[in-house]
Amino acid sequence: MIKTGASKLALDCVPSMARALKLEPAYLMHMAIEGLIAGNVAQEGIAVFGTLVIENETTWLEALREVSNETDPRLTARAWKLLFAVAVR
C-alpha cells in the first residue's frame, strides 16, 4: 500500500523500514516526507536543510573534518583534482 501510494509511511517507522528494505534511512525519510507534504513544501525543505547526504558521503565528510581539524577548508582546484583522483579509483 505504501509502494502504490494508497498509504503513507509514518515518519517514526522510517528507520525500521529502511533496515528491512536495506535502504539508506535518509533517502527513505526524504521519500516519506515528500509523500506526506504536498506541492513545493518538500522543495522548500530541501532549500532549508540542503541536499540529502547518504552514509558513504557522511563518512567522507567526517574524514575531511578530521584531517582539516574542523577548519572548513576551501575546495581549491588542486584539492578538487586530488579528490577526483581518489574517488575515481
N, C-alpha and C. Protein backbone atom coordinates (compact mmCIF):
# COMPACT_ATOMS: atom_id res chain seq x y z
N MET A 1 0.82 -1.19 0.00
CA MET A 1 0.00 0.00 0.00
C MET A 1 0.87 1.26 0.00
N ILE A 2 2.00 1.20 0.70
CA ILE A 2 2.92 2.33 0.72
C ILE A 2 3.52 2.52 -0.67
N LYS A 3 3.90 1.41 -1.29
CA LYS A 3 4.53 1.45 -2.61
C LYS A 3 3.60 2.07 -3.66
N THR A 4 2.32 1.78 -3.59
CA THR A 4 1.37 2.30 -4.57
C THR A 4 0.87 3.69 -4.22
N GLY A 5 1.16 4.15 -3.01
CA GLY A 5 0.70 5.47 -2.59
C GLY A 5 -0.64 5.45 -1.90
N ALA A 6 -1.23 4.27 -1.75
CA ALA A 6 -2.53 4.15 -1.09
C ALA A 6 -2.42 4.45 0.40
N SER A 7 -1.22 4.27 0.94
CA SER A 7 -0.98 4.55 2.35
C SER A 7 0.35 5.29 2.48
N LYS A 8 0.47 6.12 3.49
CA LYS A 8 1.69 6.88 3.72
C LYS A 8 2.54 6.19 4.78
N LEU A 9 3.85 6.33 4.64
CA LEU A 9 4.77 5.77 5.61
C LEU A 9 4.93 6.76 6.76
N ALA A 10 4.59 6.30 7.96
CA ALA A 10 4.75 7.16 9.14
C ALA A 10 6.23 7.41 9.37
N LEU A 11 6.56 8.66 9.69
CA LEU A 11 7.96 9.04 9.83
C LEU A 11 8.67 8.25 10.93
N ASP A 12 7.96 7.88 11.97
CA ASP A 12 8.61 7.12 13.04
C ASP A 12 8.89 5.67 12.64
N CYS A 13 8.35 5.23 11.51
CA CYS A 13 8.60 3.88 11.01
C CYS A 13 9.75 3.83 10.00
N VAL A 14 10.25 4.99 9.61
CA VAL A 14 11.29 5.06 8.58
C VAL A 14 12.54 4.26 8.94
N PRO A 15 13.12 4.41 10.14
CA PRO A 15 14.35 3.66 10.42
C PRO A 15 14.20 2.15 10.30
N SER A 16 13.14 1.60 10.87
CA SER A 16 12.95 0.15 10.80
C SER A 16 12.63 -0.31 9.38
N MET A 17 11.85 0.48 8.66
CA MET A 17 11.52 0.14 7.27
C MET A 17 12.77 0.20 6.40
N ALA A 18 13.62 1.19 6.63
CA ALA A 18 14.87 1.31 5.87
C ALA A 18 15.75 0.09 6.10
N ARG A 19 15.83 -0.34 7.36
CA ARG A 19 16.63 -1.54 7.66
C ARG A 19 16.05 -2.75 6.94
N ALA A 20 14.73 -2.90 6.99
CA ALA A 20 14.08 -4.05 6.38
C ALA A 20 14.28 -4.07 4.86
N LEU A 21 14.26 -2.88 4.25
CA LEU A 21 14.40 -2.79 2.80
C LEU A 21 15.85 -2.61 2.35
N LYS A 22 16.75 -2.52 3.33
CA LYS A 22 18.17 -2.29 3.05
C LYS A 22 18.36 -1.03 2.22
N LEU A 23 17.72 0.04 2.69
CA LEU A 23 17.82 1.35 2.06
C LEU A 23 18.51 2.32 3.01
N GLU A 24 19.07 3.36 2.44
CA GLU A 24 19.65 4.44 3.24
C GLU A 24 18.51 5.14 3.98
N PRO A 25 18.54 5.21 5.32
CA PRO A 25 17.45 5.82 6.07
C PRO A 25 17.14 7.25 5.64
N ALA A 26 18.17 8.04 5.36
CA ALA A 26 17.92 9.43 4.96
C ALA A 26 17.16 9.49 3.64
N TYR A 27 17.48 8.59 2.73
CA TYR A 27 16.79 8.54 1.44
C TYR A 27 15.31 8.20 1.64
N LEU A 28 15.04 7.19 2.46
CA LEU A 28 13.65 6.81 2.71
C LEU A 28 12.91 7.91 3.46
N MET A 29 13.57 8.59 4.39
CA MET A 29 12.94 9.69 5.11
C MET A 29 12.55 10.80 4.13
N HIS A 30 13.44 11.10 3.21
CA HIS A 30 13.15 12.12 2.19
C HIS A 30 11.92 11.73 1.39
N MET A 31 11.84 10.46 0.97
CA MET A 31 10.68 9.99 0.21
C MET A 31 9.41 10.06 1.06
N ALA A 32 9.52 9.68 2.33
CA ALA A 32 8.35 9.70 3.21
C ALA A 32 7.84 11.12 3.42
N ILE A 33 8.74 12.05 3.59
CA ILE A 33 8.34 13.45 3.77
C ILE A 33 7.67 13.97 2.51
N GLU A 34 8.24 13.65 1.35
CA GLU A 34 7.61 14.07 0.09
C GLU A 34 6.20 13.50 -0.04
N GLY A 35 6.00 12.27 0.46
CA GLY A 35 4.68 11.65 0.39
C GLY A 35 3.68 12.26 1.35
N LEU A 36 4.18 12.84 2.43
CA LEU A 36 3.28 13.42 3.44
C LEU A 36 2.90 14.86 3.17
N ILE A 37 3.79 15.59 2.51
CA ILE A 37 3.51 17.01 2.30
C ILE A 37 3.40 17.29 0.81
N ALA A 38 2.53 18.21 0.48
CA ALA A 38 2.20 18.45 -0.93
C ALA A 38 2.93 19.66 -1.49
N GLY A 39 2.91 19.71 -2.81
CA GLY A 39 3.38 20.88 -3.54
C GLY A 39 4.85 21.17 -3.36
N ASN A 40 5.16 22.45 -3.24
CA ASN A 40 6.54 22.89 -3.17
C ASN A 40 7.12 22.84 -1.76
N VAL A 41 6.34 22.37 -0.81
CA VAL A 41 6.81 22.35 0.57
C VAL A 41 8.04 21.45 0.71
N ALA A 42 8.05 20.30 0.03
CA ALA A 42 9.21 19.41 0.09
C ALA A 42 10.43 20.09 -0.49
N GLN A 43 10.26 20.80 -1.59
CA GLN A 43 11.39 21.51 -2.20
C GLN A 43 11.89 22.62 -1.29
N GLU A 44 10.99 23.26 -0.57
CA GLU A 44 11.39 24.30 0.38
C GLU A 44 12.20 23.68 1.51
N GLY A 45 11.83 22.47 1.92
CA GLY A 45 12.60 21.77 2.95
C GLY A 45 14.01 21.49 2.48
N ILE A 46 14.17 21.10 1.22
CA ILE A 46 15.50 20.87 0.67
C ILE A 46 16.28 22.18 0.64
N ALA A 47 15.60 23.27 0.30
CA ALA A 47 16.27 24.58 0.28
C ALA A 47 16.77 24.96 1.66
N VAL A 48 16.03 24.59 2.70
CA VAL A 48 16.41 24.93 4.07
C VAL A 48 17.47 23.97 4.60
N PHE A 49 17.25 22.67 4.42
CA PHE A 49 18.12 21.67 5.04
C PHE A 49 19.23 21.17 4.12
N GLY A 50 19.16 21.48 2.85
CA GLY A 50 20.21 21.07 1.92
C GLY A 50 19.93 19.73 1.27
N THR A 51 20.87 19.33 0.46
CA THR A 51 20.76 18.09 -0.30
C THR A 51 20.95 16.89 0.61
N LEU A 52 20.26 15.83 0.30
CA LEU A 52 20.37 14.59 1.02
C LEU A 52 21.81 14.09 0.99
N VAL A 53 22.33 13.71 2.15
CA VAL A 53 23.68 13.15 2.25
C VAL A 53 23.54 11.71 2.70
N ILE A 54 24.09 10.79 1.90
CA ILE A 54 23.98 9.37 2.23
C ILE A 54 25.16 8.92 3.09
N GLU A 55 25.09 7.69 3.56
CA GLU A 55 26.05 7.20 4.55
C GLU A 55 27.50 7.32 4.09
N ASN A 56 27.80 6.90 2.88
CA ASN A 56 29.18 6.97 2.41
C ASN A 56 29.66 8.41 2.31
N GLU A 57 28.79 9.32 1.90
CA GLU A 57 29.17 10.73 1.84
C GLU A 57 29.44 11.28 3.23
N THR A 58 28.66 10.84 4.19
CA THR A 58 28.86 11.26 5.58
C THR A 58 30.25 10.85 6.06
N THR A 59 30.66 9.65 5.71
CA THR A 59 31.99 9.16 6.09
C THR A 59 33.08 10.04 5.48
N TRP A 60 32.91 10.41 4.21
CA TRP A 60 33.86 11.31 3.55
C TRP A 60 33.91 12.66 4.26
N LEU A 61 32.74 13.19 4.60
CA LEU A 61 32.69 14.49 5.28
C LEU A 61 33.36 14.43 6.65
N GLU A 62 33.13 13.36 7.38
CA GLU A 62 33.76 13.21 8.69
C GLU A 62 35.27 13.13 8.56
N ALA A 63 35.76 12.42 7.54
CA ALA A 63 37.21 12.33 7.31
C ALA A 63 37.78 13.69 6.96
N LEU A 64 37.08 14.44 6.12
CA LEU A 64 37.54 15.78 5.74
C LEU A 64 37.61 16.69 6.96
N ARG A 65 36.61 16.61 7.82
CA ARG A 65 36.62 17.43 9.04
C ARG A 65 37.78 17.04 9.95
N GLU A 66 38.06 15.75 10.03
CA GLU A 66 39.15 15.29 10.88
C GLU A 66 40.50 15.77 10.36
N VAL A 67 40.76 15.57 9.06
CA VAL A 67 42.08 15.93 8.53
C VAL A 67 42.28 17.44 8.44
N SER A 68 41.17 18.19 8.44
CA SER A 68 41.29 19.65 8.37
C SER A 68 41.22 20.30 9.74
N ASN A 69 41.15 19.47 10.79
CA ASN A 69 41.00 20.00 12.16
C ASN A 69 39.81 20.93 12.28
N GLU A 70 38.72 20.56 11.61
CA GLU A 70 37.46 21.32 11.68
C GLU A 70 37.62 22.77 11.22
N THR A 71 38.49 23.01 10.24
CA THR A 71 38.75 24.39 9.82
C THR A 71 37.93 24.84 8.62
N ASP A 72 37.03 24.02 8.11
CA ASP A 72 36.19 24.36 6.96
C ASP A 72 37.05 24.75 5.76
N PRO A 73 37.84 23.80 5.25
CA PRO A 73 38.75 24.13 4.15
C PRO A 73 38.02 24.44 2.85
N ARG A 74 38.60 25.32 2.06
CA ARG A 74 38.04 25.65 0.76
C ARG A 74 38.39 24.55 -0.23
N LEU A 75 37.53 24.35 -1.21
CA LEU A 75 37.79 23.37 -2.25
C LEU A 75 38.51 24.07 -3.39
N THR A 76 39.82 24.03 -3.34
CA THR A 76 40.65 24.66 -4.37
C THR A 76 40.69 23.75 -5.60
N ALA A 77 41.21 24.27 -6.69
CA ALA A 77 41.34 23.47 -7.91
C ALA A 77 42.25 22.27 -7.67
N ARG A 78 43.31 22.48 -6.91
CA ARG A 78 44.24 21.38 -6.60
C ARG A 78 43.55 20.31 -5.76
N ALA A 79 42.80 20.76 -4.74
CA ALA A 79 42.10 19.81 -3.88
C ALA A 79 41.05 19.04 -4.69
N TRP A 80 40.37 19.72 -5.60
CA TRP A 80 39.37 19.08 -6.45
C TRP A 80 40.02 17.96 -7.28
N LYS A 81 41.18 18.25 -7.87
CA LYS A 81 41.88 17.25 -8.68
C LYS A 81 42.29 16.05 -7.83
N LEU A 82 42.79 16.32 -6.64
CA LEU A 82 43.19 15.24 -5.73
C LEU A 82 41.98 14.39 -5.31
N LEU A 83 40.90 15.05 -4.97
CA LEU A 83 39.69 14.36 -4.57
C LEU A 83 39.16 13.51 -5.72
N PHE A 84 39.14 14.07 -6.90
CA PHE A 84 38.67 13.35 -8.07
C PHE A 84 39.54 12.11 -8.32
N ALA A 85 40.86 12.28 -8.19
CA ALA A 85 41.78 11.15 -8.40
C ALA A 85 41.52 10.03 -7.40
N VAL A 86 41.21 10.39 -6.16
CA VAL A 86 40.96 9.38 -5.13
C VAL A 86 39.60 8.73 -5.34
N ALA A 87 38.58 9.51 -5.64
CA ALA A 87 37.22 9.00 -5.75
C ALA A 87 37.02 8.10 -6.96
N VAL A 88 37.77 8.36 -8.03
CA VAL A 88 37.59 7.59 -9.26
C VAL A 88 38.19 6.19 -9.15
N ARG A 89 39.15 6.01 -8.30
CA ARG A 89 39.83 4.70 -8.17
C ARG A 89 38.92 3.64 -7.70
